[in-house]
Amino acid sequence: MPGCDDWLVISNHASHAWLDGTGSDRYCSPELSSRLVGASIQVSETQFFCEFSSPERKRLQAGVLYLVVDNILDPEGEETQEFYVLAYGYAGGGTEGDWLFKRDSYNSRWIYGDASGDEWKGAREMADGSHLYEQEIDDIPEWTDQDSECYAKLMELRDEYFTEGDDELTTVKEAAFKKHRQSDAIASTDGFDMDVLYDISPIWNLTTQYQDPYYDN
């Protein structure tokens, strides 16, 4: 496990370094250290959404699986929750995109990488006056042991929902689609939070984008 001076801790509204080298009073106390070591993640929700280009379900436009992880410590040592998100979909030209996201609520950011895990590629936040996560930050967050544990759980659940189609692109398993079917082309668990799609759409390279209808007017 990394030392206290470079831990990245995901929280309900945060994923934040304990010490940032700027003289901040953030710290990692021995008590918090002992609580973190060996702690196992607690998943309170598993949510799924997919949309195909047609009722025949030949092309997956977007498929999203996320976990809500509860026992995350914020910089003040309070247990909160965060999102880990796996996403696949059509990226044009017969190719697909595969994405991994983590919500960094404390800094109001989404951290992103690809579905292979092991490292983050970047993070984005909202620019002043915007409601879209389009502004790239300079520093790429570090991948942590807790990221590895959450990623392993996400990939374990992945096999319940996704498989490889005849075109060798990712698609949704028939049983998962039927279980959560909402229409001929859409399936979703009842508790799926559409705000997740609204947040990550500006980041991914999929041809399908999801926009919050609140901002249409």
Protein backbone atom coordinates (compact mmCIF):
# COMPACT_ATOMS: atom_id res chain seq x y z
CA MET A 1 0.00 0.00 0.00
CA PRO A 2 1.35 3.51 -0.79
CA GLY A 3 2.59 5.70 2.02
CA CYS A 4 0.31 8.25 3.66
CA ASP A 5 1.85 11.10 1.71
CA ASP A 6 0.52 9.83 -1.60
CA TRP A 7 -2.70 7.98 -0.82
CA LEU A 8 -5.67 8.73 -3.06
CA VAL A 9 -8.91 8.21 -1.16
CA ILE A 10 -12.28 8.07 -2.89
CA SER A 11 -15.20 9.60 -1.04
CA ASN A 12 -18.90 10.26 -1.41
CA HIS A 13 -18.06 13.53 -2.97
CA ALA A 14 -14.35 12.89 -3.19
CA SER A 15 -11.21 11.17 -4.21
CA HIS A 16 -8.39 13.21 -2.72
CA ALA A 17 -4.68 13.07 -1.88
CA TRP A 18 -3.94 13.32 1.82
CA LEU A 19 -0.93 15.58 1.38
CA ASP A 20 -0.65 17.66 -1.77
CA GLY A 21 2.68 19.37 -1.16
CA THR A 22 1.10 22.81 -0.88
CA GLY A 23 1.11 23.16 2.89
CA SER A 24 -2.44 21.89 3.22
CA ASP A 25 -3.50 20.59 6.62
CA ARG A 26 -4.75 17.34 5.10
CA TYR A 27 -3.10 14.41 6.83
CA CYS A 28 -3.27 10.67 7.32
CA SER A 29 -3.38 9.85 11.01
CA PRO A 30 -2.14 6.51 12.38
CA GLU A 31 -5.74 5.75 13.39
CA LEU A 32 -6.95 6.22 9.81
CA SER A 33 -3.99 4.25 8.52
CA SER A 34 -4.88 1.27 10.70
CA ARG A 35 -8.52 1.45 9.57
CA LEU A 36 -7.53 1.47 5.90
CA VAL A 37 -5.02 -1.37 5.97
CA GLY A 38 -6.72 -4.63 5.05
CA ALA A 39 -10.15 -3.04 4.67
CA SER A 40 -12.37 -4.67 2.06
CA ILE A 41 -14.77 -2.77 -0.15
CA GLN A 42 -18.51 -2.85 0.54
CA VAL A 43 -20.70 -2.61 -2.55
CA SER A 44 -24.22 -1.36 -1.87
CA GLU A 45 -25.45 -1.14 -5.48
CA THR A 46 -24.77 -2.75 -8.84
CA GLN A 47 -26.51 -0.93 -11.68
CA PHE A 48 -26.66 -1.63 -15.41
CA PHE A 49 -27.82 0.15 -18.57
CA CYS A 50 -27.54 -0.62 -22.28
CA GLU A 51 -28.88 0.79 -25.52
CA PHE A 52 -28.73 -0.81 -28.96
CA SER A 53 -28.97 0.94 -32.32
CA SER A 54 -32.14 -0.97 -33.28
CA PRO A 55 -34.66 -3.50 -31.93
CA GLU A 56 -32.65 -6.24 -33.67
CA ARG A 57 -29.82 -5.48 -31.21
CA LYS A 58 -27.03 -5.93 -33.74
CA ARG A 59 -24.92 -3.02 -32.48
CA LEU A 60 -24.38 -1.96 -28.89
CA GLN A 61 -24.45 1.83 -28.79
CA ALA A 62 -23.63 2.02 -25.09
CA GLY A 63 -23.41 -0.45 -22.23
CA VAL A 64 -22.65 0.74 -18.69
CA LEU A 65 -22.14 -1.19 -15.47
CA TYR A 66 -21.35 0.60 -12.22
CA LEU A 67 -20.76 -0.13 -8.55
CA VAL A 68 -21.60 2.08 -5.61
CA VAL A 69 -18.89 1.47 -2.99
CA ASP A 70 -19.81 2.52 0.54
CA ASN A 71 -16.89 2.21 2.94
CA ILE A 72 -14.68 4.89 1.44
CA LEU A 73 -12.85 7.26 3.78
CA ASP A 74 -12.81 10.93 2.86
CA PRO A 75 -9.92 13.22 3.89
CA GLU A 76 -11.65 13.89 7.21
CA GLY A 77 -11.90 10.17 7.93
CA GLU A 78 -15.64 9.92 7.35
CA GLU A 79 -16.98 6.83 5.59
CA THR A 80 -18.77 7.76 2.39
CA GLN A 81 -19.48 6.21 -1.03
CA GLU A 82 -18.24 6.47 -4.62
CA PHE A 83 -18.91 5.18 -8.15
CA TYR A 84 -16.76 2.88 -10.28
CA VAL A 85 -18.04 2.61 -13.85
CA LEU A 86 -17.30 0.28 -16.76
CA ALA A 87 -18.53 1.34 -20.21
CA TYR A 88 -18.50 -0.12 -23.72
CA GLY A 89 -20.02 1.03 -26.97
CA TYR A 90 -19.72 1.80 -30.64
CA ALA A 91 -17.03 4.35 -31.52
CA GLY A 92 -17.56 4.44 -35.30
CA GLY A 93 -15.76 2.78 -38.20
CA GLY A 94 -16.47 -0.72 -36.93
CA THR A 95 -14.61 -0.07 -33.65
CA GLU A 96 -15.64 0.11 -30.02
CA GLY A 97 -14.62 2.14 -27.02
CA ASP A 98 -13.94 0.59 -23.63
CA TRP A 99 -13.76 2.85 -20.61
CA LEU A 100 -13.26 2.78 -16.86
CA PHE A 101 -14.37 5.71 -14.71
CA LYS A 102 -14.17 6.68 -11.07
CA ARG A 103 -16.13 9.52 -9.51
CA ASP A 104 -13.95 12.03 -7.62
CA SER A 105 -16.69 13.96 -5.88
CA TYR A 106 -14.47 15.80 -3.42
CA ASN A 107 -12.76 17.55 -6.32
CA SER A 108 -15.88 17.47 -8.54
CA ARG A 109 -14.12 15.38 -11.19
CA TRP A 110 -14.43 12.14 -13.11
CA ILE A 111 -11.22 10.13 -13.39
CA TYR A 112 -10.94 7.92 -16.46
CA GLY A 113 -8.93 5.15 -18.10
CA ASP A 114 -9.58 2.16 -20.32
CA ALA A 115 -11.17 -1.14 -19.35
CA SER A 116 -7.81 -2.88 -18.92
CA GLY A 117 -7.35 -1.09 -15.59
CA ASP A 118 -4.00 -0.71 -13.76
CA GLU A 119 -3.66 3.01 -14.44
CA TRP A 120 -5.67 6.19 -14.95
CA LYS A 121 -5.30 8.16 -18.16
CA GLY A 122 -6.64 11.49 -16.95
CA ALA A 123 -9.42 13.37 -15.21
CA ARG A 124 -11.89 16.07 -16.18
CA GLU A 125 -13.90 18.66 -14.36
CA MET A 126 -16.46 21.31 -15.26
CA ALA A 127 -15.22 24.65 -16.49
CA ASP A 128 -16.74 27.72 -14.87
CA GLY A 129 -20.28 28.19 -16.12
CA SER A 130 -20.46 24.73 -17.73
CA HIS A 131 -22.43 21.63 -16.73
CA LEU A 132 -20.22 19.26 -18.78
CA TYR A 133 -17.07 17.44 -17.70
CA GLU A 134 -14.91 18.73 -20.55
CA GLN A 135 -11.99 20.49 -18.88
CA GLU A 136 -8.89 18.30 -18.56
CA ILE A 137 -6.78 18.64 -15.42
CA ASP A 138 -2.99 18.65 -15.57
CA ASP A 139 -2.18 15.98 -12.99
CA ILE A 140 -3.16 12.37 -13.65
CA PRO A 141 -4.34 10.66 -10.43
CA GLU A 142 -2.43 7.62 -9.21
CA TRP A 143 -3.91 4.12 -9.35
CA THR A 144 -4.34 2.75 -5.83
CA ASP A 145 -4.80 -0.60 -4.12
CA GLN A 146 -8.42 0.30 -3.51
CA ASP A 147 -8.82 1.01 -7.23
CA SER A 148 -7.50 -2.49 -7.91
CA GLU A 149 -9.98 -4.07 -5.50
CA CYS A 150 -12.94 -2.16 -6.93
CA TYR A 151 -11.81 -2.89 -10.49
CA ALA A 152 -11.54 -6.63 -9.73
CA LYS A 153 -15.09 -6.65 -8.38
CA LEU A 154 -16.35 -4.74 -11.40
CA MET A 155 -14.70 -7.18 -13.82
CA GLU A 156 -16.08 -10.13 -11.88
CA LEU A 157 -19.61 -8.78 -12.36
CA ARG A 158 -18.89 -7.83 -15.98
CA ASP A 159 -19.24 -11.44 -17.11
CA GLU A 160 -22.86 -11.46 -15.95
CA TYR A 161 -23.76 -8.69 -18.40
CA PHE A 162 -21.31 -8.54 -21.31
CA THR A 163 -19.95 -10.94 -23.89
CA GLU A 164 -18.31 -10.86 -27.32
CA GLY A 165 -20.61 -10.66 -30.33
CA ASP A 166 -20.28 -12.20 -33.79
CA ASP A 167 -18.40 -9.09 -34.96
CA GLU A 168 -15.93 -9.51 -32.08
CA LEU A 169 -17.25 -6.34 -30.45
CA THR A 170 -18.67 -6.27 -26.93
CA THR A 171 -22.39 -6.86 -26.64
CA VAL A 172 -24.88 -7.65 -23.87
CA LYS A 173 -25.76 -11.17 -22.86
CA GLU A 174 -29.26 -12.19 -23.87
CA ALA A 175 -30.20 -13.24 -20.34
CA ALA A 176 -29.11 -9.86 -18.89
CA PHE A 177 -31.03 -7.94 -21.54
CA LYS A 178 -34.22 -9.94 -21.00
CA LYS A 179 -33.99 -9.59 -17.21
CA HIS A 180 -33.71 -5.79 -17.34
CA ARG A 181 -35.56 -5.07 -20.59
CA GLN A 182 -37.24 -1.65 -20.82
CA SER A 183 -37.92 -1.65 -24.58
CA ASP A 184 -36.82 -3.53 -27.70
CA ALA A 185 -33.49 -1.68 -27.72
CA ILE A 186 -32.94 -0.60 -24.10
CA ALA A 187 -32.38 -2.50 -20.86
CA SER A 188 -31.76 -0.99 -17.44
CA THR A 189 -31.88 -1.86 -13.77
CA ASP A 190 -34.57 0.07 -11.93
CA GLY A 191 -32.13 2.09 -9.83
CA PHE A 192 -29.75 3.16 -12.59
CA ASP A 193 -28.75 6.81 -12.15
CA MET A 194 -28.92 8.56 -15.54
CA ASP A 195 -26.74 11.36 -14.17
CA VAL A 196 -23.83 8.93 -14.58
CA LEU A 197 -24.43 8.85 -18.34
CA TYR A 198 -24.82 12.62 -18.49
CA ASP A 199 -21.49 13.04 -16.68
CA ILE A 200 -19.31 10.58 -18.58
CA SER A 201 -20.69 11.09 -22.11
CA PRO A 202 -18.52 14.18 -22.77
CA ILE A 203 -15.45 12.11 -21.87
CA TRP A 204 -15.90 8.89 -23.84
CA ASN A 205 -15.38 8.49 -27.61
CA LEU A 206 -18.64 6.64 -28.26
CA THR A 207 -20.90 7.90 -31.05
CA THR A 208 -23.85 7.98 -28.64
CA GLN A 209 -24.05 10.91 -26.24
CA TYR A 210 -26.50 11.38 -23.36
CA GLN A 211 -27.57 14.89 -22.40
CA ASP A 212 -29.41 15.99 -19.31
CA PRO A 213 -32.86 17.18 -20.52
CA TYR A 214 -32.77 19.87 -17.82
CA TYR A 215 -30.34 21.83 -20.02
CA ASP A 216 -32.32 21.46 -23.25
CA ASN A 217 -34.39 24.56 -22.53
